[in-house]
Every structure is written in C-alpha cells, then in structure tokens.
Amino acid sequence: MLNGSAAPALLDSYEPERRPIAQALAELTELRQARRSGRNPEHDEIDDLHWALGQRYTSPAVLGARYDTVFGDVLDLHGQPGTRAPHLWLERDGERIAVHDLFARSFVLLTGVYGKAWLGAADNVEVCRIGTAGENVELVDVESEFAHRYDLGTDGAVLVRPDGYVAWRAEPGTTDPAGALRDALATILGQS
C-alpha cells in the first residue's frame, strides 16, 4: 500500500486474518498448559507442525477459501487459498532454493510446465513455471513434488502473497489467464 500497488482497503484484511488465529492459538496454549500441569503431562496430543503451519486465513485478500475454521482436523497443504504455500525444493540457474525464498518481495504466480499462457499475465507479479529437468521452465522441481503438493495439473496456477500464503488459485483450463489474474489481483489488493 505504501508504494501505491495496493489500496488502503488491503489493510482491512489484517484483522479478519490474524485475530481468529491469535484467538485460536491463545486457546490452544491455554489447553496445552492445562494438559501439561495435569496428571499425565506427557499426554499432549497437539501436533506442533499442524499448530505452526496449519493456520488458514479468510479475508478479502484471500479468494476462494473453502473453510470456516482457523485450523482443520488435519494439516492440508495443497496450495488452497488461505493456506501456507507448500514447501518445495527448486533449482534456478543451477542453484538450489526453497520455494518460500521466492515470496519475500512480491506476489508470485506458480504454474506447471504447460502454463506458458500465464507468463506476462501481470506486470507486478513474478510468474514461474515449475517442471522437471530438461523442460524449458524457470524453476526445476528437484524432488518431483510440485504436481502432488499443489494439485494444479499442468496449466493451473496459484498466486502466493509475499507472506507465503496462497491468495488465489486458477484451476486448469483457465481461458483468459491475464484477465483472471488481473481481476484476482484487483480484488486482493482492494482496488475493485
């Protein structure tokens, strides 16, 4: 918002995303403390990984979220809107990087090897096609996990915010990638 790429309305997404998570984490902490000080302190059933990575955001800055609770029953990281983008090891220009290293500066759109229609779809979004070694892509999936972890097919796309959370996803076969991405960004950034 400060550099003019988002409307002030984007700031209105902060509380609806963060407040429910803060409340849920406070309740989990209270529950955990009670269990630890009870008769069987070693009997703590809370999964730390689920607690740390399973937070799900809902706000105007997340399009297409299909849930109404902060945490689900299981940790489900498959590139769904409002969830943390699944981890991947990638290679770019011979250097091994984590997918989360891509997200710090701007929105990033991830797509499969046949997602060429997404390239150049938006000026202010980095678009990266992910594929295997030997394919003409920007990023190589060194463990061949992209298809499984993001479940996008070969030409779907997922838009990841700078905080590493999925803002929007386009299912395979999107007919107007530039228009779909433009509309999604306008809504997410509070410009529509």
N, C-alpha and C. Protein backbone atom coordinates (compact mmCIF):
# COMPACT_ATOMS: atom_id res chain seq x y z
N MET A 1 0.82 -1.18 0.00
CA MET A 1 0.00 0.00 0.00
C MET A 1 0.88 1.26 0.00
N LEU A 2 1.96 1.21 0.73
CA LEU A 2 2.83 2.39 0.83
C LEU A 2 3.46 2.76 -0.51
N ASN A 3 3.74 1.78 -1.36
CA ASN A 3 4.34 2.10 -2.65
C ASN A 3 3.28 2.29 -3.75
N GLY A 4 2.00 2.25 -3.39
CA GLY A 4 0.94 2.52 -4.35
C GLY A 4 0.41 1.32 -5.10
N SER A 5 0.91 0.13 -4.81
CA SER A 5 0.44 -1.04 -5.56
C SER A 5 -0.82 -1.66 -4.96
N ALA A 6 -1.25 -1.19 -3.80
CA ALA A 6 -2.48 -1.69 -3.18
C ALA A 6 -3.26 -0.51 -2.60
N ALA A 7 -4.56 -0.66 -2.56
CA ALA A 7 -5.43 0.37 -1.98
C ALA A 7 -5.39 0.27 -0.45
N PRO A 8 -5.73 1.34 0.25
CA PRO A 8 -5.78 1.28 1.72
C PRO A 8 -6.73 0.19 2.24
N ALA A 9 -7.70 -0.21 1.42
CA ALA A 9 -8.63 -1.27 1.83
C ALA A 9 -7.91 -2.58 2.13
N LEU A 10 -6.72 -2.79 1.56
CA LEU A 10 -5.97 -4.01 1.84
C LEU A 10 -5.67 -4.13 3.33
N LEU A 11 -5.46 -3.01 3.99
CA LEU A 11 -5.17 -3.04 5.43
C LEU A 11 -6.34 -3.62 6.23
N ASP A 12 -7.54 -3.54 5.67
CA ASP A 12 -8.72 -4.09 6.35
C ASP A 12 -8.69 -5.61 6.42
N SER A 13 -7.80 -6.24 5.68
CA SER A 13 -7.71 -7.71 5.70
C SER A 13 -6.90 -8.21 6.90
N TYR A 14 -6.14 -7.34 7.52
CA TYR A 14 -5.24 -7.77 8.58
C TYR A 14 -5.99 -8.38 9.77
N GLU A 15 -6.96 -7.67 10.28
CA GLU A 15 -7.67 -8.17 11.46
C GLU A 15 -8.49 -9.44 11.19
N PRO A 16 -9.26 -9.51 10.09
CA PRO A 16 -10.01 -10.76 9.86
C PRO A 16 -9.11 -11.98 9.66
N GLU A 17 -7.88 -11.77 9.21
CA GLU A 17 -6.96 -12.89 9.05
C GLU A 17 -6.28 -13.24 10.37
N ARG A 18 -5.72 -12.25 11.02
CA ARG A 18 -4.85 -12.50 12.17
C ARG A 18 -5.59 -12.70 13.49
N ARG A 19 -6.68 -11.98 13.72
CA ARG A 19 -7.37 -12.07 15.01
C ARG A 19 -7.88 -13.48 15.31
N PRO A 20 -8.59 -14.14 14.38
CA PRO A 20 -9.05 -15.50 14.69
C PRO A 20 -7.89 -16.47 14.98
N ILE A 21 -6.77 -16.27 14.30
CA ILE A 21 -5.62 -17.14 14.55
C ILE A 21 -5.04 -16.86 15.93
N ALA A 22 -4.92 -15.60 16.30
CA ALA A 22 -4.41 -15.25 17.62
C ALA A 22 -5.31 -15.83 18.71
N GLN A 23 -6.62 -15.74 18.52
CA GLN A 23 -7.55 -16.30 19.50
C GLN A 23 -7.42 -17.82 19.58
N ALA A 24 -7.35 -18.48 18.43
CA ALA A 24 -7.22 -19.94 18.42
C ALA A 24 -5.90 -20.39 19.07
N LEU A 25 -4.82 -19.67 18.77
CA LEU A 25 -3.53 -20.03 19.36
C LEU A 25 -3.52 -19.79 20.86
N ALA A 26 -4.19 -18.73 21.33
CA ALA A 26 -4.29 -18.48 22.77
C ALA A 26 -5.06 -19.61 23.45
N GLU A 27 -6.14 -20.06 22.82
CA GLU A 27 -6.92 -21.16 23.38
C GLU A 27 -6.10 -22.46 23.39
N LEU A 28 -5.35 -22.72 22.30
CA LEU A 28 -4.51 -23.91 22.25
C LEU A 28 -3.42 -23.87 23.32
N THR A 29 -2.85 -22.70 23.54
CA THR A 29 -1.82 -22.54 24.55
C THR A 29 -2.39 -22.81 25.93
N GLU A 30 -3.57 -22.28 26.19
CA GLU A 30 -4.23 -22.49 27.47
C GLU A 30 -4.53 -23.98 27.68
N LEU A 31 -5.05 -24.63 26.66
CA LEU A 31 -5.35 -26.05 26.73
C LEU A 31 -4.08 -26.87 26.96
N ARG A 32 -3.05 -26.51 26.24
CA ARG A 32 -1.78 -27.23 26.36
C ARG A 32 -1.19 -27.07 27.76
N GLN A 33 -1.26 -25.86 28.31
CA GLN A 33 -0.75 -25.63 29.67
C GLN A 33 -1.54 -26.46 30.68
N ALA A 34 -2.84 -26.52 30.49
CA ALA A 34 -3.67 -27.32 31.40
C ALA A 34 -3.29 -28.80 31.32
N ARG A 35 -3.04 -29.30 30.11
CA ARG A 35 -2.64 -30.70 29.95
C ARG A 35 -1.28 -30.97 30.57
N ARG A 36 -0.37 -30.04 30.41
CA ARG A 36 0.99 -30.23 30.93
C ARG A 36 1.02 -30.20 32.45
N SER A 37 0.10 -29.48 33.05
CA SER A 37 0.09 -29.41 34.52
C SER A 37 -0.88 -30.42 35.12
N GLY A 38 -1.49 -31.25 34.29
CA GLY A 38 -2.42 -32.28 34.76
C GLY A 38 -1.71 -33.53 35.24
N ARG A 39 -2.47 -34.60 35.38
CA ARG A 39 -1.92 -35.85 35.90
C ARG A 39 -0.94 -36.52 34.93
N ASN A 40 -1.17 -36.38 33.63
CA ASN A 40 -0.31 -37.01 32.63
C ASN A 40 0.29 -35.95 31.71
N PRO A 41 1.30 -35.21 32.17
CA PRO A 41 1.82 -34.11 31.35
C PRO A 41 2.43 -34.57 30.03
N GLU A 42 2.85 -35.83 29.95
CA GLU A 42 3.42 -36.31 28.68
C GLU A 42 2.34 -36.62 27.65
N HIS A 43 1.08 -36.61 28.07
CA HIS A 43 -0.03 -36.91 27.16
C HIS A 43 -0.52 -35.62 26.49
N ASP A 44 0.27 -35.12 25.54
CA ASP A 44 -0.06 -33.89 24.82
C ASP A 44 -0.30 -34.26 23.37
N GLU A 45 -1.56 -34.28 22.95
CA GLU A 45 -1.93 -34.75 21.62
C GLU A 45 -1.85 -33.69 20.53
N ILE A 46 -1.49 -32.48 20.89
CA ILE A 46 -1.47 -31.41 19.90
C ILE A 46 -0.24 -31.57 19.01
N ASP A 47 -0.47 -31.57 17.71
CA ASP A 47 0.59 -31.72 16.73
C ASP A 47 1.22 -30.36 16.46
N ASP A 48 2.48 -30.19 16.87
CA ASP A 48 3.16 -28.90 16.72
C ASP A 48 3.21 -28.43 15.27
N LEU A 49 3.43 -29.35 14.33
CA LEU A 49 3.50 -28.98 12.92
C LEU A 49 2.15 -28.43 12.44
N HIS A 50 1.09 -29.07 12.82
CA HIS A 50 -0.25 -28.61 12.47
C HIS A 50 -0.52 -27.24 13.07
N TRP A 51 -0.11 -27.06 14.31
CA TRP A 51 -0.30 -25.80 15.02
C TRP A 51 0.49 -24.67 14.37
N ALA A 52 1.71 -24.96 13.94
CA ALA A 52 2.58 -23.93 13.36
C ALA A 52 2.27 -23.62 11.89
N LEU A 53 1.91 -24.64 11.11
CA LEU A 53 1.75 -24.44 9.67
C LEU A 53 0.32 -24.55 9.17
N GLY A 54 -0.59 -24.99 10.01
CA GLY A 54 -1.95 -25.28 9.57
C GLY A 54 -2.93 -24.12 9.65
N GLN A 55 -2.45 -22.93 9.91
CA GLN A 55 -3.34 -21.76 10.00
C GLN A 55 -3.94 -21.45 8.65
N ARG A 56 -5.23 -21.13 8.65
CA ARG A 56 -5.93 -20.82 7.40
C ARG A 56 -6.56 -19.43 7.52
N TYR A 57 -6.23 -18.58 6.57
CA TYR A 57 -6.72 -17.21 6.56
C TYR A 57 -8.01 -17.09 5.76
N THR A 58 -8.88 -16.23 6.22
CA THR A 58 -10.04 -15.82 5.44
C THR A 58 -10.13 -14.30 5.55
N SER A 59 -10.22 -13.64 4.41
CA SER A 59 -10.33 -12.18 4.37
C SER A 59 -10.56 -11.78 2.93
N PRO A 60 -10.80 -10.49 2.69
CA PRO A 60 -10.91 -10.03 1.30
C PRO A 60 -9.62 -10.20 0.49
N ALA A 61 -8.49 -10.46 1.16
CA ALA A 61 -7.22 -10.66 0.47
C ALA A 61 -6.95 -12.13 0.16
N VAL A 62 -7.97 -12.97 0.35
CA VAL A 62 -7.89 -14.40 0.02
C VAL A 62 -9.15 -14.73 -0.77
N LEU A 63 -8.98 -15.20 -1.99
CA LEU A 63 -10.13 -15.51 -2.84
C LEU A 63 -10.31 -17.02 -2.97
N GLY A 64 -11.53 -17.48 -2.71
CA GLY A 64 -11.84 -18.89 -2.92
C GLY A 64 -11.56 -19.81 -1.76
N ALA A 65 -11.40 -19.28 -0.55
CA ALA A 65 -11.19 -20.14 0.61
C ALA A 65 -12.45 -20.98 0.84
N ARG A 66 -12.25 -22.28 1.09
CA ARG A 66 -13.39 -23.21 1.22
C ARG A 66 -13.53 -23.77 2.62
N TYR A 67 -13.38 -22.98 3.62
CA TYR A 67 -13.46 -23.44 5.00
C TYR A 67 -13.91 -22.29 5.87
N ASP A 68 -14.28 -22.61 7.11
CA ASP A 68 -14.73 -21.56 8.01
C ASP A 68 -14.09 -21.65 9.40
N THR A 69 -13.03 -22.43 9.51
CA THR A 69 -12.31 -22.53 10.77
C THR A 69 -10.84 -22.20 10.55
N VAL A 70 -10.18 -21.76 11.61
CA VAL A 70 -8.77 -21.38 11.53
C VAL A 70 -7.88 -22.60 11.28
N PHE A 71 -8.19 -23.71 11.94
CA PHE A 71 -7.43 -24.94 11.77
C PHE A 71 -8.39 -26.04 11.33
N GLY A 72 -7.95 -26.88 10.43
CA GLY A 72 -8.74 -28.05 10.06
C GLY A 72 -8.40 -29.21 10.97
N ASP A 73 -9.03 -30.34 10.73
CA ASP A 73 -8.75 -31.54 11.53
C ASP A 73 -7.39 -32.14 11.20
N VAL A 74 -6.96 -31.94 9.97
CA VAL A 74 -5.65 -32.45 9.54
C VAL A 74 -4.89 -31.32 8.84
N LEU A 75 -3.58 -31.45 8.80
CA LEU A 75 -2.75 -30.48 8.09
C LEU A 75 -2.88 -30.75 6.60
N ASP A 76 -3.46 -29.81 5.87
CA ASP A 76 -3.70 -29.99 4.44
C ASP A 76 -3.05 -28.83 3.70
N LEU A 77 -1.87 -29.06 3.18
CA LEU A 77 -1.15 -28.03 2.44
C LEU A 77 -1.05 -28.45 0.98
N HIS A 78 -2.05 -28.09 0.21
CA HIS A 78 -2.05 -28.40 -1.22
C HIS A 78 -2.34 -27.16 -2.06
N GLY A 79 -1.84 -26.02 -1.60
CA GLY A 79 -1.98 -24.80 -2.38
C GLY A 79 -3.39 -24.26 -2.43
N GLN A 80 -4.16 -24.47 -1.37
CA GLN A 80 -5.52 -23.94 -1.31
C GLN A 80 -5.48 -22.50 -0.81
N PRO A 81 -6.37 -21.64 -1.30
CA PRO A 81 -6.40 -20.25 -0.85
C PRO A 81 -6.51 -20.14 0.67
N GLY A 82 -5.69 -19.27 1.23
CA GLY A 82 -5.68 -19.03 2.66
C GLY A 82 -4.73 -19.90 3.45
N THR A 83 -4.11 -20.90 2.78
CA THR A 83 -3.17 -21.77 3.48
C THR A 83 -1.74 -21.40 3.10
N ARG A 84 -0.83 -21.85 3.93
CA ARG A 84 0.59 -21.63 3.65
C ARG A 84 0.96 -22.39 2.38
N ALA A 85 1.71 -21.77 1.51
CA ALA A 85 2.15 -22.44 0.29
C ALA A 85 3.02 -23.63 0.66
N PRO A 86 2.77 -24.80 0.08
CA PRO A 86 3.57 -25.98 0.40
C PRO A 86 5.04 -25.80 0.03
N HIS A 87 5.89 -26.37 0.85
CA HIS A 87 7.33 -26.30 0.62
C HIS A 87 7.72 -27.14 -0.60
N LEU A 88 8.68 -26.64 -1.34
CA LEU A 88 9.30 -27.38 -2.45
C LEU A 88 10.77 -27.01 -2.50
N TRP A 89 11.60 -27.97 -2.88
CA TRP A 89 12.98 -27.66 -3.24
C TRP A 89 13.01 -27.46 -4.74
N LEU A 90 13.58 -26.35 -5.16
CA LEU A 90 13.65 -25.99 -6.57
C LEU A 90 15.09 -25.71 -6.96
N GLU A 91 15.29 -25.63 -8.25
CA GLU A 91 16.60 -25.23 -8.77
C GLU A 91 16.37 -24.13 -9.80
N ARG A 92 17.12 -23.05 -9.66
CA ARG A 92 17.07 -21.95 -10.62
C ARG A 92 18.49 -21.60 -11.00
N ASP A 93 18.78 -21.70 -12.28
CA ASP A 93 20.12 -21.39 -12.79
C ASP A 93 21.20 -22.17 -12.03
N GLY A 94 20.93 -23.44 -11.74
CA GLY A 94 21.90 -24.28 -11.07
C GLY A 94 21.96 -24.13 -9.56
N GLU A 95 21.19 -23.22 -8.99
CA GLU A 95 21.20 -23.01 -7.55
C GLU A 95 19.96 -23.61 -6.92
N ARG A 96 20.14 -24.36 -5.84
CA ARG A 96 19.02 -24.95 -5.12
C ARG A 96 18.41 -23.91 -4.18
N ILE A 97 17.10 -23.74 -4.26
CA ILE A 97 16.39 -22.78 -3.42
C ILE A 97 15.10 -23.42 -2.90
N ALA A 98 14.59 -22.86 -1.83
CA ALA A 98 13.28 -23.27 -1.31
C ALA A 98 12.23 -22.38 -1.96
N VAL A 99 11.06 -22.91 -2.22
CA VAL A 99 10.01 -22.13 -2.87
C VAL A 99 9.70 -20.87 -2.07
N HIS A 100 9.77 -20.92 -0.75
CA HIS A 100 9.46 -19.75 0.06
C HIS A 100 10.46 -18.61 -0.12
N ASP A 101 11.63 -18.91 -0.65
CA ASP A 101 12.60 -17.85 -0.95
C ASP A 101 12.10 -16.94 -2.06
N LEU A 102 11.15 -17.40 -2.85
CA LEU A 102 10.62 -16.61 -3.96
C LEU A 102 9.64 -15.53 -3.51
N PHE A 103 9.03 -15.71 -2.35
CA PHE A 103 7.86 -14.91 -1.99
C PHE A 103 8.14 -13.61 -1.24
N ALA A 104 9.33 -13.36 -0.79
CA ALA A 104 9.60 -12.24 0.11
C ALA A 104 9.35 -10.86 -0.49
N ARG A 105 9.52 -10.69 -1.79
CA ARG A 105 9.47 -9.35 -2.36
C ARG A 105 8.16 -8.98 -3.05
N SER A 106 7.45 -9.97 -3.56
CA SER A 106 6.25 -9.64 -4.34
C SER A 106 5.33 -10.85 -4.42
N PHE A 107 4.20 -10.65 -5.05
CA PHE A 107 3.32 -11.77 -5.36
C PHE A 107 4.03 -12.65 -6.39
N VAL A 108 3.85 -13.96 -6.27
CA VAL A 108 4.44 -14.90 -7.21
C VAL A 108 3.34 -15.85 -7.68
N LEU A 109 3.28 -16.05 -8.98
CA LEU A 109 2.33 -16.98 -9.57
C LEU A 109 3.09 -18.23 -9.98
N LEU A 110 2.72 -19.37 -9.41
CA LEU A 110 3.36 -20.64 -9.75
C LEU A 110 2.43 -21.42 -10.67
N THR A 111 3.00 -22.01 -11.69
CA THR A 111 2.23 -22.81 -12.63
C THR A 111 3.09 -23.97 -13.12
N GLY A 112 2.46 -24.90 -13.78
CA GLY A 112 3.17 -26.07 -14.28
C GLY A 112 3.85 -25.81 -15.61
N VAL A 113 4.43 -26.83 -16.17
CA VAL A 113 5.22 -26.74 -17.38
C VAL A 113 4.41 -26.20 -18.57
N TYR A 114 3.12 -26.48 -18.62
CA TYR A 114 2.30 -26.02 -19.75
C TYR A 114 1.56 -24.72 -19.42
N GLY A 115 1.98 -24.02 -18.41
CA GLY A 115 1.34 -22.77 -18.01
C GLY A 115 1.93 -21.55 -18.69
N LYS A 116 2.41 -21.70 -19.92
CA LYS A 116 3.06 -20.60 -20.63
C LYS A 116 2.12 -19.40 -20.81
N ALA A 117 0.81 -19.64 -20.89
CA ALA A 117 -0.15 -18.55 -21.07
C ALA A 117 -0.14 -17.58 -19.89
N TRP A 118 0.37 -18.03 -18.73
CA TRP A 118 0.44 -17.15 -17.56
C TRP A 118 1.62 -16.19 -17.62
N LEU A 119 2.65 -16.51 -18.40
CA LEU A 119 3.82 -15.64 -18.49
C LEU A 119 3.40 -14.28 -19.02
N GLY A 120 3.80 -13.25 -18.33
CA GLY A 120 3.45 -11.90 -18.75
C GLY A 120 2.01 -11.52 -18.46
N ALA A 121 1.29 -12.31 -17.68
CA ALA A 121 -0.12 -12.03 -17.40
C ALA A 121 -0.30 -10.79 -16.52
N ALA A 122 0.71 -10.42 -15.75
CA ALA A 122 0.62 -9.23 -14.91
C ALA A 122 2.01 -8.64 -14.73
N ASP A 123 2.09 -7.33 -14.80
CA ASP A 123 3.38 -6.66 -14.68
C ASP A 123 4.00 -6.77 -13.29
N ASN A 124 3.17 -6.73 -12.26
CA ASN A 124 3.68 -6.68 -10.89
C ASN A 124 3.71 -8.04 -10.20
N VAL A 125 3.67 -9.12 -10.98
CA VAL A 125 3.69 -10.47 -10.43
C VAL A 125 4.79 -11.27 -11.13
N GLU A 126 5.61 -11.94 -10.34
CA GLU A 126 6.61 -12.84 -10.92
C GLU A 126 5.91 -14.15 -11.25
N VAL A 127 6.01 -14.60 -12.48
CA VAL A 127 5.40 -15.85 -12.91
C VAL A 127 6.49 -16.88 -13.10
N CYS A 128 6.33 -18.04 -12.46
CA CYS A 128 7.33 -19.09 -12.54
C CYS A 128 6.67 -20.40 -12.93
N ARG A 129 7.14 -20.97 -14.04
CA ARG A 129 6.70 -22.32 -14.41
C ARG A 129 7.64 -23.31 -13.74
N ILE A 130 7.04 -24.35 -13.20
CA ILE A 130 7.81 -25.37 -12.49
C ILE A 130 7.67 -26.69 -13.23
N GLY A 131 8.80 -27.33 -13.48
CA GLY A 131 8.80 -28.62 -14.17
C GLY A 131 10.03 -29.42 -13.80
N THR A 132 10.27 -30.45 -14.55
CA THR A 132 11.42 -31.31 -14.28
C THR A 132 12.62 -30.88 -15.11
N ALA A 133 13.76 -31.41 -14.77
CA ALA A 133 14.98 -31.10 -15.51
C ALA A 133 14.78 -31.47 -16.98
N GLY A 134 15.25 -30.63 -17.87
CA GLY A 134 15.11 -30.88 -19.30
C GLY A 134 13.93 -30.17 -19.92
N GLU A 135 12.97 -29.75 -19.10
CA GLU A 135 11.83 -28.99 -19.63
C GLU A 135 12.22 -27.51 -19.62
N ASN A 136 11.68 -26.76 -20.53
CA ASN A 136 12.00 -25.35 -20.64
C ASN A 136 11.15 -24.56 -19.65
N VAL A 137 11.61 -24.52 -18.38
CA VAL A 137 10.87 -23.86 -17.30
C VAL A 137 11.81 -22.95 -16.52
N GLU A 138 11.23 -22.05 -15.76
CA GLU A 138 12.01 -21.12 -14.94
C GLU A 138 12.58 -21.81 -13.70
N LEU A 139 11.84 -22.79 -13.16
CA LEU A 139 12.26 -23.47 -11.95
C LEU A 139 12.14 -24.98 -12.12
N VAL A 140 13.17 -25.69 -11.68
CA VAL A 140 13.17 -27.15 -11.76
C VAL A 140 12.75 -27.72 -10.41
N ASP A 141 11.79 -28.59 -10.42
CA ASP A 141 11.29 -29.28 -9.23
C ASP A 141 12.22 -30.46 -8.96
N VAL A 142 13.19 -30.27 -8.06
CA VAL A 142 14.25 -31.27 -7.88
C VAL A 142 13.76 -32.57 -7.26
N GLU A 143 12.62 -32.55 -6.57
CA GLU A 143 12.09 -33.77 -5.95
C GLU A 143 10.82 -34.28 -6.63
N SER A 144 10.44 -33.65 -7.73
CA SER A 144 9.23 -34.03 -8.48
C SER A 144 7.99 -34.06 -7.58
N GLU A 145 7.80 -33.02 -6.78
CA GLU A 145 6.69 -32.95 -5.84
C GLU A 145 5.66 -31.86 -6.17
N PHE A 146 5.96 -30.98 -7.13
CA PHE A 146 5.07 -29.86 -7.42
C PHE A 146 3.64 -30.33 -7.74
N ALA A 147 3.51 -31.28 -8.63
CA ALA A 147 2.17 -31.75 -9.04
C ALA A 147 1.39 -32.27 -7.84
N HIS A 148 2.04 -33.02 -6.98
CA HIS A 148 1.36 -33.58 -5.81
C HIS A 148 1.02 -32.51 -4.77
N ARG A 149 1.98 -31.66 -4.46
CA ARG A 149 1.78 -30.69 -3.38
C ARG A 149 0.84 -29.54 -3.75
N TYR A 150 0.80 -29.16 -5.01
CA TYR A 150 -0.05 -28.03 -5.40
C TYR A 150 -1.31 -28.45 -6.14
N ASP A 151 -1.35 -29.66 -6.68
CA ASP A 151 -2.55 -30.22 -7.31
C ASP A 151 -3.17 -29.25 -8.33
N LEU A 152 -2.34 -28.76 -9.26
CA LEU A 152 -2.79 -27.77 -10.25
C LEU A 152 -2.90 -28.32 -11.66
N GLY A 153 -2.55 -29.55 -11.87
CA GLY A 153 -2.46 -30.03 -13.24
C GLY A 153 -1.26 -29.38 -13.90
N THR A 154 -1.26 -29.35 -15.21
CA THR A 154 -0.09 -28.80 -15.92
C THR A 154 -0.22 -27.32 -16.26
N ASP A 155 -1.45 -26.76 -16.22
CA ASP A 155 -1.60 -25.36 -16.60
C ASP A 155 -2.42 -24.53 -15.62
N GLY A 156 -2.79 -25.09 -14.47
CA GLY A 156 -3.42 -24.28 -13.43
C GLY A 156 -2.36 -23.37 -12.82
N ALA A 157 -2.77 -22.49 -11.93
CA ALA A 157 -1.82 -21.57 -11.32
C ALA A 157 -2.25 -21.24 -9.90
N VAL A 158 -1.27 -20.89 -9.09
CA VAL A 158 -1.54 -20.48 -7.72
C VAL A 158 -0.78 -19.17 -7.47
N LEU A 159 -1.50 -18.19 -6.92
CA LEU A 159 -0.92 -16.88 -6.61
C LEU A 159 -0.57 -16.85 -5.13
N VAL A 160 0.72 -16.64 -4.84
CA VAL A 160 1.20 -16.64 -3.46
C VAL A 160 1.59 -15.22 -3.06
N ARG A 161 1.12 -14.83 -1.90
CA ARG A 161 1.41 -13.49 -1.37
C ARG A 161 2.84 -13.43 -0.83
N PRO A 162 3.35 -12.22 -0.60
CA PRO A 162 4.70 -12.10 -0.05
C PRO A 162 4.87 -12.75 1.33
N ASP A 163 3.77 -12.98 2.06
CA ASP A 163 3.88 -13.65 3.36
C ASP A 163 3.88 -15.17 3.24
N GLY A 164 3.85 -15.71 2.01
CA GLY A 164 3.92 -17.15 1.80
C GLY A 164 2.57 -17.85 1.85
N TYR A 165 1.48 -17.10 1.89
CA TYR A 165 0.14 -17.69 1.91
C TYR A 165 -0.50 -17.57 0.54
N VAL A 166 -1.27 -18.58 0.18
CA VAL A 166 -1.93 -18.61 -1.12
C VAL A 166 -3.10 -17.62 -1.11
N ALA A 167 -3.09 -16.70 -2.06
CA ALA A 167 -4.14 -15.70 -2.17
C ALA A 167 -5.26 -16.14 -3.10
N TRP A 168 -4.91 -16.97 -4.10
CA TRP A 168 -5.88 -17.33 -5.15
C TRP A 168 -5.32 -18.48 -5.95
N ARG A 169 -6.20 -19.26 -6.53
CA ARG A 169 -5.74 -20.31 -7.45
C ARG A 169 -6.67 -20.36 -8.64
N ALA A 170 -6.07 -20.65 -9.77
CA ALA A 170 -6.81 -20.82 -11.03
C ALA A 170 -6.69 -22.28 -11.41
N GLU A 171 -7.82 -22.89 -11.60
CA GLU A 171 -7.83 -24.31 -11.96
C GLU A 171 -7.37 -24.48 -13.41
N PRO A 172 -6.97 -25.68 -13.77
CA PRO A 172 -6.54 -25.93 -15.15
C PRO A 172 -7.62 -25.52 -16.16
N GLY A 173 -7.17 -25.04 -17.31
CA GLY A 173 -8.10 -24.68 -18.38
C GLY A 173 -8.64 -23.26 -18.29
N THR A 174 -8.05 -22.41 -17.48
CA THR A 174 -8.49 -21.02 -17.41
C THR A 174 -8.35 -20.40 -18.80
N THR A 175 -9.45 -19.84 -19.33
CA THR A 175 -9.44 -19.38 -20.72
C THR A 175 -8.81 -18.01 -20.92
N ASP A 176 -8.84 -17.15 -19.94
CA ASP A 176 -8.25 -15.82 -20.05
C ASP A 176 -7.33 -15.57 -18.87
N PRO A 177 -6.12 -16.16 -18.90
CA PRO A 177 -5.22 -16.03 -17.76
C PRO A 177 -4.94 -14.58 -17.35
N ALA A 178 -4.66 -13.72 -18.31
CA ALA A 178 -4.34 -12.32 -17.96
C ALA A 178 -5.53 -11.65 -17.29
N GLY A 179 -6.72 -11.85 -17.82
CA GLY A 179 -7.92 -11.25 -17.25
C GLY A 179 -8.23 -11.82 -15.87
N ALA A 180 -8.10 -13.14 -15.73
CA ALA A 180 -8.38 -13.78 -14.44
C ALA A 180 -7.41 -13.29 -13.37
N LEU A 181 -6.14 -13.20 -13.71
CA LEU A 181 -5.14 -12.74 -12.75
C LEU A 181 -5.34 -11.26 -12.43
N ARG A 182 -5.62 -10.47 -13.44
CA ARG A 182 -5.86 -9.03 -13.22
C ARG A 182 -7.04 -8.82 -12.27
N ASP A 183 -8.14 -9.54 -12.49
CA ASP A 183 -9.32 -9.40 -11.63
C ASP A 183 -9.03 -9.87 -10.21
N ALA A 184 -8.31 -11.00 -10.09
CA ALA A 184 -7.98 -11.52 -8.77
C ALA A 184 -7.10 -10.52 -8.00
N LEU A 185 -6.08 -9.99 -8.66
CA LEU A 185 -5.20 -9.03 -8.00
C LEU A 185 -5.93 -7.76 -7.59
N ALA A 186 -6.81 -7.27 -8.44
CA ALA A 186 -7.57 -6.06 -8.11
C ALA A 186 -8.40 -6.29 -6.86
N THR A 187 -9.03 -7.44 -6.75
CA THR A 187 -9.83 -7.75 -5.56
C THR A 187 -8.95 -7.90 -4.33
N ILE A 188 -7.88 -8.68 -4.46
CA ILE A 188 -6.97 -8.92 -3.33
C ILE A 188 -6.36 -7.62 -2.82
N LEU A 189 -5.97 -6.77 -3.74
CA LEU A 189 -5.30 -5.50 -3.36
C LEU A 189 -6.28 -4.39 -3.02
N GLY A 190 -7.58 -4.71 -2.98
CA GLY A 190 -8.58 -3.74 -2.59
C GLY A 190 -8.83 -2.66 -3.63
N GLN A 191 -8.59 -2.97 -4.90
CA GLN A 191 -8.74 -1.97 -5.96
C GLN A 191 -10.02 -2.14 -6.76
N SER A 192 -10.85 -3.09 -6.36
CA SER A 192 -12.10 -3.26 -7.12
C SER A 192 -13.30 -3.12 -6.23
